[in-house]
């Protein structure tokens, strides 16, 4: 997965917007103004690309024990966020699935009117 594929995958989801709220380096994807994915553009350029994704805490632990490329979220809540390294042992299909999982976790917590509109 490259940065364009990552961006396109996220942007094709309903109600998603992209932002640079922290600096000019950190690309953040939000659904209804809630973060579900973020990545450092500089890290992608350096060949050390990773995506921070929200994750169910039990599933996060399972993924971390199975893949070297899934680690506690860099600069994030370590129980609820993973850093998923894209050029490691994590298959692209799984990365896409983890993006979906993160998005779905955020959508589930939205107010009912927003959830209904999205679903």
N, C-alpha and C. Protein backbone atom coordinates (compact mmCIF):
# COMPACT_ATOMS: atom_id res chain seq x y z
N UNK A 1 0.86 -1.18 0.00
CA UNK A 1 0.00 0.00 0.00
C UNK A 1 0.90 1.24 0.00
N UNK A 2 0.60 2.16 -0.88
CA UNK A 2 1.32 3.43 -0.89
C UNK A 2 0.41 4.53 -0.34
N UNK A 3 0.95 5.72 -0.22
CA UNK A 3 0.21 6.81 0.41
C UNK A 3 -1.05 7.18 -0.38
N UNK A 4 -0.99 7.10 -1.72
CA UNK A 4 -2.17 7.43 -2.52
C UNK A 4 -3.27 6.39 -2.32
N UNK A 5 -2.87 5.12 -2.27
CA UNK A 5 -3.85 4.06 -2.03
C UNK A 5 -4.48 4.20 -0.66
N UNK A 6 -3.66 4.52 0.33
CA UNK A 6 -4.17 4.75 1.69
C UNK A 6 -5.17 5.90 1.70
N UNK A 7 -4.78 7.01 1.09
CA UNK A 7 -5.66 8.18 1.05
C UNK A 7 -6.97 7.86 0.33
N UNK A 8 -6.87 7.25 -0.83
CA UNK A 8 -8.07 6.93 -1.61
C UNK A 8 -8.99 5.97 -0.86
N UNK A 9 -8.39 4.99 -0.20
CA UNK A 9 -9.19 4.01 0.55
C UNK A 9 -9.99 4.72 1.64
N UNK A 10 -9.33 5.60 2.37
CA UNK A 10 -10.02 6.34 3.44
C UNK A 10 -11.06 7.30 2.89
N UNK A 11 -10.71 8.02 1.84
CA UNK A 11 -11.62 9.04 1.30
C UNK A 11 -12.86 8.44 0.63
N UNK A 12 -12.80 7.17 0.26
CA UNK A 12 -13.96 6.53 -0.37
C UNK A 12 -15.02 6.11 0.64
N UNK A 13 -14.75 6.28 1.90
CA UNK A 13 -15.72 5.96 2.93
C UNK A 13 -16.68 7.14 3.12
N UNK A 14 -17.88 6.84 3.56
CA UNK A 14 -18.91 7.87 3.73
C UNK A 14 -18.52 8.87 4.81
N UNK A 15 -18.77 10.15 4.50
CA UNK A 15 -18.61 11.26 5.46
C UNK A 15 -17.17 11.50 5.91
N UNK A 16 -16.18 11.01 5.16
CA UNK A 16 -14.78 11.17 5.55
C UNK A 16 -14.21 12.47 5.00
N UNK A 17 -13.43 13.13 5.85
CA UNK A 17 -12.70 14.34 5.45
C UNK A 17 -11.25 14.16 5.86
N UNK A 18 -10.36 14.89 5.19
CA UNK A 18 -8.94 14.84 5.54
C UNK A 18 -8.50 16.19 6.07
N UNK A 19 -7.56 16.14 7.00
CA UNK A 19 -7.12 17.35 7.70
C UNK A 19 -5.64 17.27 8.04
N UNK A 20 -5.07 18.41 8.37
CA UNK A 20 -3.73 18.52 8.94
C UNK A 20 -3.86 19.36 10.22
N UNK A 21 -4.51 18.83 11.26
CA UNK A 21 -4.81 19.63 12.45
C UNK A 21 -3.60 19.89 13.36
N UNK A 22 -2.58 19.05 13.27
CA UNK A 22 -1.45 19.17 14.20
C UNK A 22 -0.27 19.92 13.59
N UNK A 23 0.00 19.64 12.34
CA UNK A 23 1.14 20.24 11.63
C UNK A 23 0.97 19.94 10.15
N UNK A 24 1.96 20.28 9.34
CA UNK A 24 1.86 20.04 7.90
C UNK A 24 2.30 18.63 7.52
N UNK A 25 2.68 17.82 8.49
CA UNK A 25 3.17 16.47 8.25
C UNK A 25 2.13 15.39 8.53
N UNK A 26 1.30 15.57 9.53
CA UNK A 26 0.39 14.53 9.99
C UNK A 26 -0.97 14.62 9.29
N UNK A 27 -1.19 13.68 8.38
CA UNK A 27 -2.45 13.60 7.65
C UNK A 27 -3.45 12.82 8.49
N UNK A 28 -4.60 13.44 8.75
CA UNK A 28 -5.62 12.85 9.61
C UNK A 28 -6.91 12.67 8.82
N UNK A 29 -7.50 11.49 8.95
CA UNK A 29 -8.80 11.22 8.34
C UNK A 29 -9.83 11.13 9.45
N UNK A 30 -10.96 11.82 9.22
CA UNK A 30 -12.03 11.87 10.22
C UNK A 30 -13.35 11.48 9.57
N UNK A 31 -14.21 10.89 10.40
CA UNK A 31 -15.59 10.66 10.02
C UNK A 31 -16.43 11.46 11.01
N UNK A 32 -17.26 12.36 10.49
CA UNK A 32 -18.07 13.24 11.34
C UNK A 32 -17.20 13.92 12.40
N UNK A 33 -16.05 14.39 11.98
CA UNK A 33 -15.11 15.16 12.80
C UNK A 33 -14.45 14.33 13.91
N UNK A 34 -14.44 13.01 13.79
CA UNK A 34 -13.78 12.12 14.76
C UNK A 34 -12.68 11.35 14.02
N UNK A 35 -11.46 11.38 14.56
CA UNK A 35 -10.32 10.72 13.94
C UNK A 35 -10.48 9.20 13.91
N UNK A 36 -10.13 8.60 12.77
CA UNK A 36 -10.06 7.14 12.70
C UNK A 36 -8.75 6.65 12.10
N UNK A 37 -8.01 7.54 11.42
CA UNK A 37 -6.73 7.15 10.84
C UNK A 37 -5.84 8.37 10.71
N UNK A 38 -4.55 8.19 10.98
CA UNK A 38 -3.60 9.27 10.77
C UNK A 38 -2.23 8.69 10.42
N UNK A 39 -1.46 9.49 9.68
CA UNK A 39 -0.14 9.04 9.24
C UNK A 39 0.77 10.24 9.01
N UNK A 40 2.05 10.01 9.23
CA UNK A 40 3.07 11.02 8.98
C UNK A 40 3.53 10.92 7.53
N UNK A 41 3.37 11.99 6.77
CA UNK A 41 3.82 11.99 5.37
C UNK A 41 5.33 11.85 5.30
N UNK A 42 6.04 12.45 6.24
CA UNK A 42 7.50 12.37 6.26
C UNK A 42 7.97 10.92 6.44
N UNK A 43 7.29 10.17 7.31
CA UNK A 43 7.64 8.76 7.52
C UNK A 43 7.41 7.94 6.25
N UNK A 44 6.36 8.26 5.49
CA UNK A 44 6.12 7.56 4.22
C UNK A 44 7.28 7.84 3.26
N UNK A 45 7.68 9.11 3.18
CA UNK A 45 8.77 9.48 2.28
C UNK A 45 10.08 8.82 2.68
N UNK A 46 10.30 8.61 3.98
CA UNK A 46 11.53 7.99 4.48
C UNK A 46 11.52 6.47 4.34
N UNK A 47 10.38 5.89 3.95
CA UNK A 47 10.28 4.45 3.81
C UNK A 47 9.95 3.73 5.11
N UNK A 48 9.52 4.47 6.13
CA UNK A 48 9.16 3.90 7.42
C UNK A 48 7.68 4.19 7.72
N UNK A 49 6.84 3.93 6.73
CA UNK A 49 5.43 4.32 6.80
C UNK A 49 4.64 3.49 7.80
N UNK A 50 3.83 4.20 8.58
CA UNK A 50 2.87 3.52 9.45
C UNK A 50 1.61 4.36 9.54
N UNK A 51 0.53 3.67 9.87
CA UNK A 51 -0.78 4.30 10.01
C UNK A 51 -1.26 4.05 11.43
N UNK A 52 -1.69 5.09 12.12
CA UNK A 52 -2.31 4.91 13.43
C UNK A 52 -3.80 4.68 13.21
N UNK A 53 -4.29 3.58 13.80
CA UNK A 53 -5.68 3.19 13.64
C UNK A 53 -6.28 2.79 14.99
N UNK A 54 -7.50 3.22 15.21
CA UNK A 54 -8.22 2.83 16.43
C UNK A 54 -8.52 1.34 16.32
N UNK A 55 -8.52 0.66 17.49
CA UNK A 55 -8.72 -0.78 17.48
C UNK A 55 -9.33 -1.23 18.79
N UNK A 56 -10.19 -2.24 18.73
CA UNK A 56 -10.70 -2.87 19.93
C UNK A 56 -9.49 -3.34 20.75
N UNK A 57 -9.44 -3.05 22.06
CA UNK A 57 -8.27 -3.38 22.87
C UNK A 57 -7.85 -4.86 22.84
N UNK A 58 -8.81 -5.78 22.89
CA UNK A 58 -8.46 -7.21 22.84
C UNK A 58 -7.90 -7.59 21.48
N UNK A 59 -8.52 -7.10 20.44
CA UNK A 59 -8.05 -7.36 19.08
C UNK A 59 -6.67 -6.73 18.87
N UNK A 60 -6.45 -5.56 19.44
CA UNK A 60 -5.15 -4.88 19.33
C UNK A 60 -4.04 -5.76 19.90
N UNK A 61 -4.28 -6.34 21.06
CA UNK A 61 -3.29 -7.22 21.69
C UNK A 61 -3.03 -8.46 20.82
N UNK A 62 -4.09 -9.01 20.28
CA UNK A 62 -3.96 -10.19 19.41
C UNK A 62 -3.10 -9.87 18.18
N UNK A 63 -3.37 -8.73 17.56
CA UNK A 63 -2.62 -8.32 16.37
C UNK A 63 -1.14 -8.08 16.71
N UNK A 64 -0.89 -7.44 17.83
CA UNK A 64 0.49 -7.14 18.23
C UNK A 64 1.28 -8.42 18.50
N UNK A 65 0.63 -9.44 19.00
CA UNK A 65 1.33 -10.69 19.26
C UNK A 65 1.57 -11.48 17.96
N UNK A 66 0.76 -11.24 16.95
CA UNK A 66 0.87 -11.98 15.70
C UNK A 66 1.77 -11.31 14.66
N UNK A 67 1.82 -9.97 14.65
CA UNK A 67 2.56 -9.24 13.62
C UNK A 67 3.58 -8.29 14.24
N UNK A 68 4.80 -8.34 13.75
CA UNK A 68 5.84 -7.39 14.19
C UNK A 68 5.47 -5.97 13.78
N UNK A 69 4.73 -5.85 12.67
CA UNK A 69 4.37 -4.54 12.13
C UNK A 69 3.16 -3.90 12.77
N UNK A 70 2.64 -4.48 13.83
CA UNK A 70 1.54 -3.87 14.57
C UNK A 70 2.04 -3.63 15.99
N UNK A 71 2.08 -2.34 16.34
CA UNK A 71 2.64 -1.93 17.63
C UNK A 71 1.68 -0.97 18.32
N UNK A 72 1.88 -0.75 19.62
CA UNK A 72 1.03 0.24 20.31
C UNK A 72 1.09 1.59 19.59
N UNK A 73 -0.03 2.27 19.53
CA UNK A 73 -0.13 3.53 18.79
C UNK A 73 0.88 4.59 19.19
N UNK A 74 1.66 5.04 18.22
CA UNK A 74 2.66 6.08 18.43
C UNK A 74 1.97 7.39 18.76
N UNK A 75 2.26 7.96 19.92
CA UNK A 75 1.65 9.20 20.41
C UNK A 75 0.13 9.11 20.56
N UNK A 76 -0.37 7.90 20.79
CA UNK A 76 -1.81 7.70 20.93
C UNK A 76 -2.07 6.87 22.20
N UNK A 77 -3.33 6.70 22.55
CA UNK A 77 -3.71 5.84 23.67
C UNK A 77 -3.31 4.41 23.30
N UNK A 78 -2.38 3.85 24.04
CA UNK A 78 -1.75 2.57 23.68
C UNK A 78 -2.70 1.38 23.68
N UNK A 79 -3.77 1.42 24.45
CA UNK A 79 -4.71 0.30 24.48
C UNK A 79 -5.69 0.35 23.31
N UNK A 80 -6.00 1.54 22.84
CA UNK A 80 -7.06 1.69 21.84
C UNK A 80 -6.58 2.02 20.44
N UNK A 81 -5.28 2.25 20.28
CA UNK A 81 -4.74 2.60 18.97
C UNK A 81 -3.52 1.74 18.66
N UNK A 82 -3.41 1.34 17.41
CA UNK A 82 -2.24 0.62 16.91
C UNK A 82 -1.53 1.47 15.87
N UNK A 83 -0.22 1.32 15.81
CA UNK A 83 0.55 1.81 14.67
C UNK A 83 0.80 0.60 13.79
N UNK A 84 0.32 0.67 12.56
CA UNK A 84 0.43 -0.45 11.62
C UNK A 84 1.45 -0.06 10.56
N UNK A 85 2.58 -0.76 10.55
CA UNK A 85 3.67 -0.46 9.62
C UNK A 85 3.38 -1.15 8.29
N UNK A 86 3.31 -0.35 7.22
CA UNK A 86 2.84 -0.88 5.94
C UNK A 86 3.90 -1.67 5.17
N UNK A 87 5.16 -1.46 5.42
CA UNK A 87 6.20 -2.19 4.69
C UNK A 87 6.81 -3.27 5.57
N UNK A 88 5.99 -3.90 6.36
CA UNK A 88 6.46 -4.92 7.29
C UNK A 88 5.75 -6.22 6.96
N UNK A 89 5.37 -6.98 7.97
CA UNK A 89 4.75 -8.29 7.75
C UNK A 89 3.22 -8.25 7.74
N UNK A 90 2.63 -7.07 7.71
CA UNK A 90 1.17 -6.95 7.73
C UNK A 90 0.66 -6.92 6.28
N UNK A 91 -0.13 -7.92 5.88
CA UNK A 91 -0.65 -7.95 4.50
C UNK A 91 -1.53 -6.74 4.20
N UNK A 92 -1.50 -6.32 2.96
CA UNK A 92 -2.30 -5.16 2.52
C UNK A 92 -3.79 -5.37 2.78
N UNK A 93 -4.28 -6.58 2.56
CA UNK A 93 -5.71 -6.86 2.83
C UNK A 93 -6.04 -6.65 4.31
N UNK A 94 -5.12 -7.03 5.17
CA UNK A 94 -5.35 -6.83 6.60
C UNK A 94 -5.31 -5.35 6.95
N UNK A 95 -4.41 -4.61 6.33
CA UNK A 95 -4.36 -3.16 6.57
C UNK A 95 -5.69 -2.52 6.20
N UNK A 96 -6.23 -2.90 5.04
CA UNK A 96 -7.54 -2.37 4.62
C UNK A 96 -8.62 -2.76 5.63
N UNK A 97 -8.57 -3.99 6.10
CA UNK A 97 -9.54 -4.45 7.09
C UNK A 97 -9.41 -3.67 8.40
N UNK A 98 -8.18 -3.34 8.79
CA UNK A 98 -7.97 -2.57 10.02
C UNK A 98 -8.43 -1.12 9.87
N UNK A 99 -8.30 -0.57 8.67
CA UNK A 99 -8.85 0.77 8.40
C UNK A 99 -10.37 0.71 8.56
N UNK A 100 -10.99 -0.32 7.98
CA UNK A 100 -12.44 -0.50 8.11
C UNK A 100 -12.84 -0.63 9.58
N UNK A 101 -12.09 -1.43 10.32
CA UNK A 101 -12.37 -1.65 11.74
C UNK A 101 -12.32 -0.33 12.52
N UNK A 102 -11.29 0.46 12.26
CA UNK A 102 -11.15 1.75 12.94
C UNK A 102 -12.33 2.67 12.61
N UNK A 103 -12.64 2.76 11.33
CA UNK A 103 -13.77 3.58 10.87
C UNK A 103 -15.06 3.12 11.55
N UNK A 104 -15.30 1.81 11.55
CA UNK A 104 -16.53 1.27 12.14
C UNK A 104 -16.62 1.55 13.64
N UNK A 105 -15.49 1.45 14.35
CA UNK A 105 -15.50 1.76 15.78
C UNK A 105 -15.93 3.19 16.04
N UNK A 106 -15.46 4.11 15.22
CA UNK A 106 -15.83 5.52 15.38
C UNK A 106 -17.30 5.72 15.04
N UNK A 107 -17.75 5.13 13.93
CA UNK A 107 -19.15 5.28 13.51
C UNK A 107 -20.10 4.74 14.59
N UNK A 108 -19.73 3.63 15.22
CA UNK A 108 -20.59 3.04 16.27
C UNK A 108 -20.80 3.98 17.44
N UNK A 109 -19.87 4.88 17.68
CA UNK A 109 -19.95 5.79 18.83
C UNK A 109 -20.60 7.13 18.48
N UNK A 110 -20.93 7.32 17.21
CA UNK A 110 -21.55 8.58 16.79
C UNK A 110 -23.00 8.65 17.27
N UNK A 111 -23.55 9.86 17.36
CA UNK A 111 -24.98 9.98 17.67
C UNK A 111 -25.83 9.23 16.63
N UNK A 112 -26.97 8.77 17.05
CA UNK A 112 -27.83 7.93 16.21
C UNK A 112 -28.14 8.58 14.86
N UNK A 113 -28.41 9.87 14.83
CA UNK A 113 -28.74 10.54 13.57
C UNK A 113 -27.58 10.47 12.58
N UNK A 114 -26.35 10.59 13.09
CA UNK A 114 -25.18 10.50 12.22
C UNK A 114 -24.95 9.07 11.76
N UNK A 115 -25.10 8.11 12.66
CA UNK A 115 -24.96 6.68 12.30
C UNK A 115 -25.95 6.29 11.22
N UNK A 116 -27.19 6.72 11.40
CA UNK A 116 -28.24 6.39 10.44
C UNK A 116 -27.92 6.97 9.06
N UNK A 117 -27.45 8.19 9.03
CA UNK A 117 -27.10 8.84 7.76
C UNK A 117 -25.97 8.10 7.06
N UNK A 118 -24.99 7.66 7.82
CA UNK A 118 -23.83 6.99 7.25
C UNK A 118 -24.15 5.58 6.79
N UNK A 119 -24.93 4.87 7.60
CA UNK A 119 -25.25 3.47 7.29
C UNK A 119 -26.40 3.43 6.32
